[in-house]
Amino acid sequence: MQIQTDSSTYTIPSGDHVVTMRNRKRMDLTSVKSIDRFDQEEFLVRTSQGLLQIQGEELRIVHLDVDKGLLTLEGTVRLMQYDEDDSGSRGFLQKIFG
């Protein structure tokens, strides 16, 4: 896989997780395993590096290639946070009490 930037082209080894953001309006992600949940304000994306929570406004999927693990989102990104615990689901009490 190659990513072209303004100055040069970088080759990314397959399996590496890369997040590229442009002006907090567009995100490209690699090594995406699945999308657990999404709406216009939040995405939960399972990646090779753990569960990635993306919060913002008017978020939407622009491109998704499940076979290659590629995802492109557009919208206003307010927060990105990884959860090292790859269990993917929180318990009932944790959902209530945070």
PDB file of N, CA and C in Angstrom:
ATOM      1  N   MET A   1       0.837  -1.170   0.000  1.00  0.00           N
ATOM      2  CA  MET A   1       0.000   0.000   0.000  1.00  0.00           C
ATOM      3  C   MET A   1       0.882   1.232   0.000  1.00  0.00           C
ATOM      4  N   GLN A   2       0.489   2.232  -0.729  1.00  0.00           N
ATOM      5  CA  GLN A   2       1.237   3.481  -0.761  1.00  0.00           C
ATOM      6  C   GLN A   2       0.303   4.629  -0.415  1.00  0.00           C
ATOM      7  N   ILE A   3       0.829   5.597   0.320  1.00  0.00           N
ATOM      8  CA  ILE A   3       0.102   6.822   0.616  1.00  0.00           C
ATOM      9  C   ILE A   3       0.898   7.965   0.025  1.00  0.00           C
ATOM     10  N   GLN A   4       0.232   8.791  -0.744  1.00  0.00           N
ATOM     11  CA  GLN A   4       0.920   9.911  -1.367  1.00  0.00           C
ATOM     12  C   GLN A   4       0.623  11.178  -0.572  1.00  0.00           C
ATOM     13  N   THR A   5       1.663  11.883  -0.192  1.00  0.00           N
ATOM     14  CA  THR A   5       1.523  13.173   0.479  1.00  0.00           C
ATOM     15  C   THR A   5       1.958  14.253  -0.487  1.00  0.00           C
ATOM     16  N   ASP A   6       1.930  15.489  -0.044  1.00  0.00           N
ATOM     17  CA  ASP A   6       2.319  16.591  -0.926  1.00  0.00           C
ATOM     18  C   ASP A   6       3.769  16.487  -1.381  1.00  0.00           C
ATOM     19  N   SER A   7       4.653  15.980  -0.504  1.00  0.00           N
ATOM     20  CA  SER A   7       6.073  16.004  -0.824  1.00  0.00           C
ATOM     21  C   SER A   7       6.617  14.675  -1.332  1.00  0.00           C
ATOM     22  N   SER A   8       6.040  13.553  -0.914  1.00  0.00           N
ATOM     23  CA  SER A   8       6.592  12.263  -1.333  1.00  0.00           C
ATOM     24  C   SER A   8       5.569  11.158  -1.145  1.00  0.00           C
ATOM     25  N   THR A   9       5.963   9.958  -1.486  1.00  0.00           N
ATOM     26  CA  THR A   9       5.113   8.790  -1.337  1.00  0.00           C
ATOM     27  C   THR A   9       5.733   7.851  -0.317  1.00  0.00           C
ATOM     28  N   TYR A  10       4.943   7.380   0.632  1.00  0.00           N
ATOM     29  CA  TYR A  10       5.411   6.464   1.662  1.00  0.00           C
ATOM     30  C   TYR A  10       4.788   5.103   1.434  1.00  0.00           C
ATOM     31  N   THR A  11       5.561   4.059   1.581  1.00  0.00           N
ATOM     32  CA  THR A  11       5.046   2.705   1.495  1.00  0.00           C
ATOM     33  C   THR A  11       4.775   2.211   2.907  1.00  0.00           C
ATOM     34  N   ILE A  12       3.556   1.723   3.132  1.00  0.00           N
ATOM     35  CA  ILE A  12       3.161   1.242   4.443  1.00  0.00           C
ATOM     36  C   ILE A  12       3.074  -0.282   4.381  1.00  0.00           C
ATOM     37  N   PRO A  13       3.840  -0.974   5.219  1.00  0.00           N
ATOM     38  CA  PRO A  13       3.753  -2.433   5.227  1.00  0.00           C
ATOM     39  C   PRO A  13       2.336  -2.882   5.567  1.00  0.00           C
ATOM     40  N   SER A  14       1.861  -3.914   4.894  1.00  0.00           N
ATOM     41  CA  SER A  14       0.514  -4.389   5.180  1.00  0.00           C
ATOM     42  C   SER A  14       0.445  -4.837   6.637  1.00  0.00           C
ATOM     43  N   GLY A  15      -0.659  -4.533   7.269  1.00  0.00           N
ATOM     44  CA  GLY A  15      -0.834  -4.880   8.670  1.00  0.00           C
ATOM     45  C   GLY A  15      -0.539  -3.734   9.611  1.00  0.00           C
ATOM     46  N   ASP A  16       0.209  -2.711   9.165  1.00  0.00           N
ATOM     47  CA  ASP A  16       0.463  -1.550  10.011  1.00  0.00           C
ATOM     48  C   ASP A  16      -0.799  -0.704  10.097  1.00  0.00           C
ATOM     49  N   HIS A  17      -1.044  -0.178  11.291  1.00  0.00           N
ATOM     50  CA  HIS A  17      -2.208   0.680  11.516  1.00  0.00           C
ATOM     51  C   HIS A  17      -1.770   2.133  11.374  1.00  0.00           C
ATOM     52  N   VAL A  18      -2.390   2.834  10.428  1.00  0.00           N
ATOM     53  CA  VAL A  18      -2.048   4.229  10.168  1.00  0.00           C
ATOM     54  C   VAL A  18      -3.328   5.053  10.193  1.00  0.00           C
ATOM     55  N   VAL A  19      -3.269   6.195  10.891  1.00  0.00           N
ATOM     56  CA  VAL A  19      -4.374   7.150  10.897  1.00  0.00           C
ATOM     57  C   VAL A  19      -3.858   8.457  10.321  1.00  0.00           C
ATOM     58  N   THR A  20      -4.530   8.955   9.295  1.00  0.00           N
ATOM     59  CA  THR A  20      -4.177  10.223   8.689  1.00  0.00           C
ATOM     60  C   THR A  20      -5.389  11.139   8.803  1.00  0.00           C
ATOM     61  N   MET A  21      -5.166  12.345   9.336  1.00  0.00           N
ATOM     62  CA  MET A  21      -6.267  13.283   9.475  1.00  0.00           C
ATOM     63  C   MET A  21      -5.922  14.578   8.747  1.00  0.00           C
ATOM     64  N   ARG A  22      -6.897  15.101   8.015  1.00  0.00           N
ATOM     65  CA  ARG A  22      -6.714  16.366   7.296  1.00  0.00           C
ATOM     66  C   ARG A  22      -7.661  17.411   7.872  1.00  0.00           C
ATOM     67  N   ASN A  23      -7.097  18.405   8.553  1.00  0.00           N
ATOM     68  CA  ASN A  23      -7.854  19.541   9.082  1.00  0.00           C
ATOM     69  C   ASN A  23      -9.045  19.139   9.947  1.00  0.00           C
ATOM     70  N   ARG A  24      -8.927  18.017  10.632  1.00  0.00           N
ATOM     71  CA  ARG A  24      -9.988  17.502  11.497  1.00  0.00           C
ATOM     72  C   ARG A  24     -11.299  17.268  10.759  1.00  0.00           C
ATOM     73  N   LYS A  25     -11.253  17.191   9.433  1.00  0.00           N
ATOM     74  CA  LYS A  25     -12.456  17.018   8.616  1.00  0.00           C
ATOM     75  C   LYS A  25     -12.493  15.694   7.868  1.00  0.00           C
ATOM     76  N   ARG A  26     -11.342  15.059   7.692  1.00  0.00           N
ATOM     77  CA  ARG A  26     -11.291  13.805   6.931  1.00  0.00           C
ATOM     78  C   ARG A  26     -10.237  12.901   7.562  1.00  0.00           C
ATOM     79  N   MET A  27     -10.605  11.637   7.776  1.00  0.00           N
ATOM     80  CA  MET A  27      -9.687  10.654   8.362  1.00  0.00           C
ATOM     81  C   MET A  27      -9.590   9.449   7.456  1.00  0.00           C
ATOM     82  N   ASP A  28      -8.363   8.983   7.281  1.00  0.00           N
ATOM     83  CA  ASP A  28      -8.105   7.728   6.581  1.00  0.00           C
ATOM     84  C   ASP A  28      -7.484   6.782   7.593  1.00  0.00           C
ATOM     85  N   LEU A  29      -8.005   5.556   7.683  1.00  0.00           N
ATOM     86  CA  LEU A  29      -7.491   4.563   8.618  1.00  0.00           C
ATOM     87  C   LEU A  29      -7.164   3.280   7.868  1.00  0.00           C
ATOM     88  N   THR A  30      -6.081   2.628   8.290  1.00  0.00           N
ATOM     89  CA  THR A  30      -5.734   1.320   7.749  1.00  0.00           C
ATOM     90  C   THR A  30      -5.786   0.291   8.868  1.00  0.00           C
ATOM     91  N   SER A  31      -5.755  -0.966   8.510  1.00  0.00           N
ATOM     92  CA  SER A  31      -5.822  -2.102   9.436  1.00  0.00           C
ATOM     93  C   SER A  31      -7.081  -2.068  10.289  1.00  0.00           C
ATOM     94  N   VAL A  32      -8.196  -1.730   9.648  1.00  0.00           N
ATOM     95  CA  VAL A  32      -9.497  -1.743  10.311  1.00  0.00           C
ATOM     96  C   VAL A  32     -10.056  -3.160  10.227  1.00  0.00           C
ATOM     97  N   LYS A  33     -10.402  -3.718  11.385  1.00  0.00           N
ATOM     98  CA  LYS A  33     -10.969  -5.065  11.427  1.00  0.00           C
ATOM     99  C   LYS A  33     -12.483  -5.039  11.306  1.00  0.00           C
ATOM    100  N   SER A  34     -13.124  -4.087  11.999  1.00  0.00           N
ATOM    101  CA  SER A  34     -14.586  -3.982  11.938  1.00  0.00           C
ATOM    102  C   SER A  34     -15.013  -2.638  12.501  1.00  0.00           C
ATOM    103  N   ILE A  35     -16.250  -2.286  12.208  1.00  0.00           N
ATOM    104  CA  ILE A  35     -16.869  -1.109  12.806  1.00  0.00           C
ATOM    105  C   ILE A  35     -17.948  -1.640  13.734  1.00  0.00           C
ATOM    106  N   ASP A  36     -17.742  -1.459  15.036  1.00  0.00           N
ATOM    107  CA  ASP A  36     -18.672  -2.008  16.015  1.00  0.00           C
ATOM    108  C   ASP A  36     -19.953  -1.192  16.121  1.00  0.00           C
ATOM    109  N   ARG A  37     -19.823   0.118  16.018  1.00  0.00           N
ATOM    110  CA  ARG A  37     -20.992   0.986  16.139  1.00  0.00           C
ATOM    111  C   ARG A  37     -20.668   2.315  15.477  1.00  0.00           C
ATOM    112  N   PHE A  38     -21.678   2.939  14.865  1.00  0.00           N
ATOM    113  CA  PHE A  38     -21.442   4.268  14.316  1.00  0.00           C
ATOM    114  C   PHE A  38     -22.748   5.030  14.155  1.00  0.00           C
ATOM    115  N   ASP A  39     -22.638   6.323  14.304  1.00  0.00           N
ATOM    116  CA  ASP A  39     -23.700   7.263  13.969  1.00  0.00           C
ATOM    117  C   ASP A  39     -23.028   8.590  13.641  1.00  0.00           C
ATOM    118  N   GLN A  40     -23.770   9.659  13.545  1.00  0.00           N
ATOM    119  CA  GLN A  40     -23.194  10.940  13.134  1.00  0.00           C
ATOM    120  C   GLN A  40     -22.312  11.573  14.199  1.00  0.00           C
ATOM    121  N   GLU A  41     -22.359  11.052  15.436  1.00  0.00           N
ATOM    122  CA  GLU A  41     -21.571  11.638  16.519  1.00  0.00           C
ATOM    123  C   GLU A  41     -20.487  10.723  17.069  1.00  0.00           C
ATOM    124  N   GLU A  42     -20.534   9.424  16.754  1.00  0.00           N
ATOM    125  CA  GLU A  42     -19.536   8.518  17.318  1.00  0.00           C
ATOM    126  C   GLU A  42     -19.336   7.285  16.454  1.00  0.00           C
ATOM    127  N   PHE A  43     -18.073   6.904  16.317  1.00  0.00           N
ATOM    128  CA  PHE A  43     -17.695   5.652  15.658  1.00  0.00           C
ATOM    129  C   PHE A  43     -16.879   4.839  16.649  1.00  0.00           C
ATOM    130  N   LEU A  44     -17.116   3.550  16.732  1.00  0.00           N
ATOM    131  CA  LEU A  44     -16.259   2.615  17.457  1.00  0.00           C
ATOM    132  C   LEU A  44     -15.681   1.668  16.414  1.00  0.00           C
ATOM    133  N   VAL A  45     -14.386   1.789  16.196  1.00  0.00           N
ATOM    134  CA  VAL A  45     -13.717   1.051  15.130  1.00  0.00           C
ATOM    135  C   VAL A  45     -12.697   0.104  15.745  1.00  0.00           C
ATOM    136  N   ARG A  46     -12.806  -1.168  15.442  1.00  0.00           N
ATOM    137  CA  ARG A  46     -11.848  -2.161  15.918  1.00  0.00           C
ATOM    138  C   ARG A  46     -10.691  -2.205  14.922  1.00  0.00           C
ATOM    139  N   THR A  47      -9.479  -1.908  15.420  1.00  0.00           N
ATOM    140  CA  THR A  47      -8.287  -1.886  14.573  1.00  0.00           C
ATOM    141  C   THR A  47      -7.286  -2.922  15.081  1.00  0.00           C
ATOM    142  N   SER A  48      -6.190  -3.069  14.365  1.00  0.00           N
ATOM    143  CA  SER A  48      -5.144  -3.999  14.796  1.00  0.00           C
ATOM    144  C   SER A  48      -4.462  -3.515  16.079  1.00  0.00           C
ATOM    145  N   GLN A  49      -4.665  -2.248  16.449  1.00  0.00           N
ATOM    146  CA  GLN A  49      -4.054  -1.682  17.657  1.00  0.00           C
ATOM    147  C   GLN A  49      -5.061  -1.489  18.790  1.00  0.00           C
ATOM    148  N   GLY A  50      -6.249  -2.025  18.654  1.00  0.00           N
ATOM    149  CA  GLY A  50      -7.264  -1.918  19.696  1.00  0.00           C
ATOM    150  C   GLY A  50      -8.501  -1.190  19.200  1.00  0.00           C
ATOM    151  N   LEU A  51      -9.414  -0.952  20.116  1.00  0.00           N
ATOM    152  CA  LEU A  51     -10.674  -0.297  19.806  1.00  0.00           C
ATOM    153  C   LEU A  51     -10.456   1.213  19.769  1.00  0.00           C
ATOM    154  N   LEU A  52     -10.834   1.851  18.671  1.00  0.00           N
ATOM    155  CA  LEU A  52     -10.657   3.289  18.490  1.00  0.00           C
ATOM    156  C   LEU A  52     -12.025   3.957  18.540  1.00  0.00           C
ATOM    157  N   GLN A  53     -12.159   4.890  19.472  1.00  0.00           N
ATOM    158  CA  GLN A  53     -13.379   5.680  19.586  1.00  0.00           C
ATOM    159  C   GLN A  53     -13.137   7.026  18.920  1.00  0.00           C
ATOM    160  N   ILE A  54     -14.033   7.395  18.011  1.00  0.00           N
ATOM    161  CA  ILE A  54     -13.947   8.676  17.311  1.00  0.00           C
ATOM    162  C   ILE A  54     -15.256   9.403  17.573  1.00  0.00           C
ATOM    163  N   GLN A  55     -15.167  10.600  18.140  1.00  0.00           N
ATOM    164  CA  GLN A  55     -16.356  11.406  18.390  1.00  0.00           C
ATOM    165  C   GLN A  55     -16.263  12.694  17.610  1.00  0.00           C
ATOM    166  N   GLY A  56     -17.409  13.206  17.194  1.00  0.00           N
ATOM    167  CA  GLY A  56     -17.421  14.449  16.448  1.00  0.00           C
ATOM    168  C   GLY A  56     -18.816  14.830  16.026  1.00  0.00           C
ATOM    169  N   GLU A  57     -18.890  15.578  14.950  1.00  0.00           N
ATOM    170  CA  GLU A  57     -20.162  16.056  14.426  1.00  0.00           C
ATOM    171  C   GLU A  57     -20.270  15.716  12.943  1.00  0.00           C
ATOM    172  N   GLU A  58     -21.450  15.297  12.544  1.00  0.00           N
ATOM    173  CA  GLU A  58     -21.744  14.975  11.143  1.00  0.00           C
ATOM    174  C   GLU A  58     -20.755  13.966  10.566  1.00  0.00           C
ATOM    175  N   LEU A  59     -20.371  12.965  11.360  1.00  0.00           N
ATOM    176  CA  LEU A  59     -19.445  11.935  10.898  1.00  0.00           C
ATOM    177  C   LEU A  59     -20.165  11.004   9.933  1.00  0.00           C
ATOM    178  N   ARG A  60     -19.463  10.624   8.887  1.00  0.00           N
ATOM    179  CA  ARG A  60     -20.034   9.693   7.912  1.00  0.00           C
ATOM    180  C   ARG A  60     -18.924   8.922   7.217  1.00  0.00           C
ATOM    181  N   ILE A  61     -19.279   7.752   6.733  1.00  0.00           N
ATOM    182  CA  ILE A  61     -18.342   6.912   5.991  1.00  0.00           C
ATOM    183  C   ILE A  61     -18.311   7.380   4.545  1.00  0.00           C
ATOM    184  N   VAL A  62     -17.108   7.684   4.063  1.00  0.00           N
ATOM    185  CA  VAL A  62     -16.924   8.075   2.671  1.00  0.00           C
ATOM    186  C   VAL A  62     -16.488   6.865   1.855  1.00  0.00           C
ATOM    187  N   HIS A  63     -15.617   6.042   2.451  1.00  0.00           N
ATOM    188  CA  HIS A  63     -15.095   4.865   1.748  1.00  0.00           C
ATOM    189  C   HIS A  63     -14.835   3.764   2.769  1.00  0.00           C
ATOM    190  N   LEU A  64     -15.204   2.547   2.418  1.00  0.00           N
ATOM    191  CA  LEU A  64     -14.924   1.389   3.258  1.00  0.00           C
ATOM    192  C   LEU A  64     -14.549   0.225   2.354  1.00  0.00           C
ATOM    193  N   ASP A  65     -13.361  -0.326   2.588  1.00  0.00           N
ATOM    194  CA  ASP A  65     -12.906  -1.520   1.874  1.00  0.00           C
ATOM    195  C   ASP A  65     -12.624  -2.575   2.927  1.00  0.00           C
ATOM    196  N   VAL A  66     -13.570  -3.458   3.127  1.00  0.00           N
ATOM    197  CA  VAL A  66     -13.473  -4.465   4.178  1.00  0.00           C
ATOM    198  C   VAL A  66     -12.319  -5.423   3.924  1.00  0.00           C
ATOM    199  N   ASP A  67     -12.119  -5.811   2.677  1.00  0.00           N
ATOM    200  CA  ASP A  67     -11.058  -6.770   2.354  1.00  0.00           C
ATOM    201  C   ASP A  67      -9.668  -6.219   2.660  1.00  0.00           C
ATOM    202  N   LYS A  68      -9.452  -4.926   2.420  1.00  0.00           N
ATOM    203  CA  LYS A  68      -8.150  -4.314   2.658  1.00  0.00           C
ATOM    204  C   LYS A  68      -8.042  -3.625   4.016  1.00  0.00           C
ATOM    205  N   GLY A  69      -9.161  -3.515   4.728  1.00  0.00           N
ATOM    206  CA  GLY A  69      -9.139  -2.879   6.046  1.00  0.00           C
ATOM    207  C   GLY A  69      -8.982  -1.378   5.995  1.00  0.00           C
ATOM    208  N   LEU A  70      -9.542  -0.749   4.964  1.00  0.00           N
ATOM    209  CA  LEU A  70      -9.413   0.698   4.786  1.00  0.00           C
ATOM    210  C   LEU A  70     -10.740   1.390   5.093  1.00  0.00           C
ATOM    211  N   LEU A  71     -10.658   2.514   5.787  1.00  0.00           N
ATOM    212  CA  LEU A  71     -11.839   3.294   6.137  1.00  0.00           C
ATOM    213  C   LEU A  71     -11.518   4.774   5.985  1.00  0.00           C
ATOM    214  N   THR A  72     -12.417   5.508   5.351  1.00  0.00           N
ATOM    215  CA  THR A  72     -12.303   6.959   5.250  1.00  0.00           C
ATOM    216  C   THR A  72     -13.578   7.573   5.811  1.00  0.00           C
ATOM    217  N   LEU A  73     -13.395   8.504   6.749  1.00  0.00           N
ATOM    218  CA  LEU A  73     -14.507   9.215   7.375  1.00  0.00           C
ATOM    219  C   LEU A  73     -14.405  10.693   7.058  1.00  0.00           C
ATOM    220  N   GLU A  74     -15.555  11.359   7.012  1.00  0.00           N
ATOM    221  CA  GLU A  74     -15.594  12.808   6.919  1.00  0.00           C
ATOM    222  C   GLU A  74     -16.518  13.331   7.998  1.00  0.00           C
ATOM    223  N   GLY A  75     -16.295  14.561   8.412  1.00  0.00           N
ATOM    224  CA  GLY A  75     -17.054  15.213   9.464  1.00  0.00           C
ATOM    225  C   GLY A  75     -16.072  15.992  10.327  1.00  0.00           C
ATOM    226  N   THR A  76     -16.558  16.557  11.406  1.00  0.00           N
ATOM    227  CA  THR A  76     -15.689  17.298  12.318  1.00  0.00           C
ATOM    228  C   THR A  76     -15.288  16.393  13.469  1.00  0.00           C
ATOM    229  N   VAL A  77     -14.007  16.085  13.577  1.00  0.00           N
ATOM    230  CA  VAL A  77     -13.500  15.189  14.618  1.00  0.00           C
ATOM    231  C   VAL A  77     -13.189  15.993  15.872  1.00  0.00           C
ATOM    232  N   ARG A  78     -13.755  15.568  16.999  1.00  0.00           N
ATOM    233  CA  ARG A  78     -13.530  16.228  18.283  1.00  0.00           C
ATOM    234  C   ARG A  78     -12.639  15.401  19.208  1.00  0.00           C
ATOM    235  N   LEU A  79     -12.700  14.074  19.077  1.00  0.00           N
ATOM    236  CA  LEU A  79     -11.957  13.205  19.987  1.00  0.00           C
ATOM    237  C   LEU A  79     -11.591  11.904  19.297  1.00  0.00           C
ATOM    238  N   MET A  80     -10.361  11.450  19.575  1.00  0.00           N
ATOM    239  CA  MET A  80      -9.911  10.112  19.166  1.00  0.00           C
ATOM    240  C   MET A  80      -9.294   9.468  20.390  1.00  0.00           C
ATOM    241  N   GLN A  81      -9.707   8.245  20.690  1.00  0.00           N
ATOM    242  CA  GLN A  81      -9.184   7.580  21.884  1.00  0.00           C
ATOM    243  C   GLN A  81      -9.145   6.076  21.650  1.00  0.00           C
ATOM    244  N   TYR A  82      -7.995   5.482  22.000  1.00  0.00           N
ATOM    245  CA  TYR A  82      -7.846   4.041  21.889  1.00  0.00           C
ATOM    246  C   TYR A  82      -8.135   3.386  23.227  1.00  0.00           C
ATOM    247  N   ASP A  83      -8.740   2.208  23.166  1.00  0.00           N
ATOM    248  CA  ASP A  83      -8.959   1.384  24.338  1.00  0.00           C
ATOM    249  C   ASP A  83      -8.120   0.131  24.137  1.00  0.00           C
ATOM    250  N   GLU A  84      -7.107  -0.024  24.973  1.00  0.00           N
ATOM    251  CA  GLU A  84      -6.198  -1.179  24.851  1.00  0.00           C
ATOM    252  C   GLU A  84      -6.945  -2.491  25.076  1.00  0.00           C
ATOM    253  N   ASP A  85      -7.971  -2.460  25.923  1.00  0.00           N
ATOM    254  CA  ASP A  85      -8.775  -3.650  26.177  1.00  0.00           C
ATOM    255  C   ASP A  85      -9.584  -3.941  24.921  1.00  0.00           C
ATOM    256  N   ASP A  86      -9.256  -4.995  24.242  1.00  0.00           N
ATOM    257  CA  ASP A  86      -9.873  -5.314  22.965  1.00  0.00           C
ATOM    258  C   ASP A  86     -11.121  -6.176  23.126  1.00  0.00           C
ATOM    259  N   SER A  87     -11.714  -6.172  24.331  1.00  0.00           N
ATOM    260  CA  SER A  87     -12.905  -6.996  24.541  1.00  0.00           C
ATOM    261  C   SER A  87     -14.085  -6.467  23.745  1.00  0.00           C
ATOM    262  N   GLY A  88     -14.113  -5.124  23.521  1.00  0.00           N
ATOM    263  CA  GLY A  88     -15.117  -4.558  22.650  1.00  0.00           C
ATOM    264  C   GLY A  88     -16.452  -4.269  23.292  1.00  0.00           C
ATOM    265  N   SER A  89     -16.706  -4.797  24.469  1.00  0.00           N
ATOM    266  CA  SER A  89     -17.982  -4.503  25.100  1.00  0.00           C
ATOM    267  C   SER A  89     -17.766  -4.180  26.567  1.00  0.00           C
ATOM    268  N   ARG A  90     -18.482  -3.179  27.031  1.00  0.00           N
ATOM    269  CA  ARG A  90     -18.382  -2.793  28.418  1.00  0.00           C
ATOM    270  C   ARG A  90     -19.520  -3.450  29.175  1.00  0.00           C
ATOM    271  N   GLY A  91     -19.289  -3.678  30.452  1.00  0.00           N
ATOM    272  CA  GLY A  91     -20.319  -4.269  31.287  1.00  0.00           C
ATOM    273  C   GLY A  91     -21.449  -3.298  31.554  1.00  0.00           C
ATOM    274  N   PHE A  92     -22.575  -3.849  31.993  1.00  0.00           N
ATOM    275  CA  PHE A  92     -23.766  -3.056  32.250  1.00  0.00           C
ATOM    276  C   PHE A  92     -23.506  -1.958  33.276  1.00  0.00           C
ATOM    277  N   LEU A  93     -22.871  -2.288  34.394  1.00  0.00           N
ATOM    278  CA  LEU A  93     -22.609  -1.289  35.424  1.00  0.00           C
ATOM    279  C   LEU A  93     -21.627  -0.238  34.955  1.00  0.00           C
ATOM    280  N   GLN A  94     -20.649  -0.633  34.167  1.00  0.00           N
ATOM    281  CA  GLN A  94     -19.682   0.340  33.646  1.00  0.00           C
ATOM    282  C   GLN A  94     -20.361   1.317  32.697  1.00  0.00           C
ATOM    283  N   LYS A  95     -21.347   0.863  31.935  1.00  0.00           N
ATOM    284  CA  LYS A  95     -22.081   1.757  31.040  1.00  0.00           C
ATOM    285  C   LYS A  95     -22.888   2.785  31.840  1.00  0.00           C
ATOM    286  N   ILE A  96     -23.429   2.353  32.974  1.00  0.00           N
ATOM    287  CA  ILE A  96     -24.238   3.251  33.786  1.00  0.00           C
ATOM    288  C   ILE A  96     -23.385   4.236  34.555  1.00  0.00           C
ATOM    289  N   PHE A  97     -22.307   3.747  35.181  1.00  0.00           N
ATOM    290  CA  PHE A  97     -21.496   4.578  36.082  1.00  0.00           C
ATOM    291  C   PHE A  97     -20.211   5.094  35.443  1.00  0.00           C
ATOM    292  N   GLY A  98     -19.965   4.767  34.201  1.00  0.00           N
ATOM    293  CA  GLY A  98     -18.807   5.289  33.492  1.00  0.00           C
ATOM    294  C   GLY A  98     -17.601   4.502  33.736  1.00  0.00           C
TER     295      GLY A  98
END
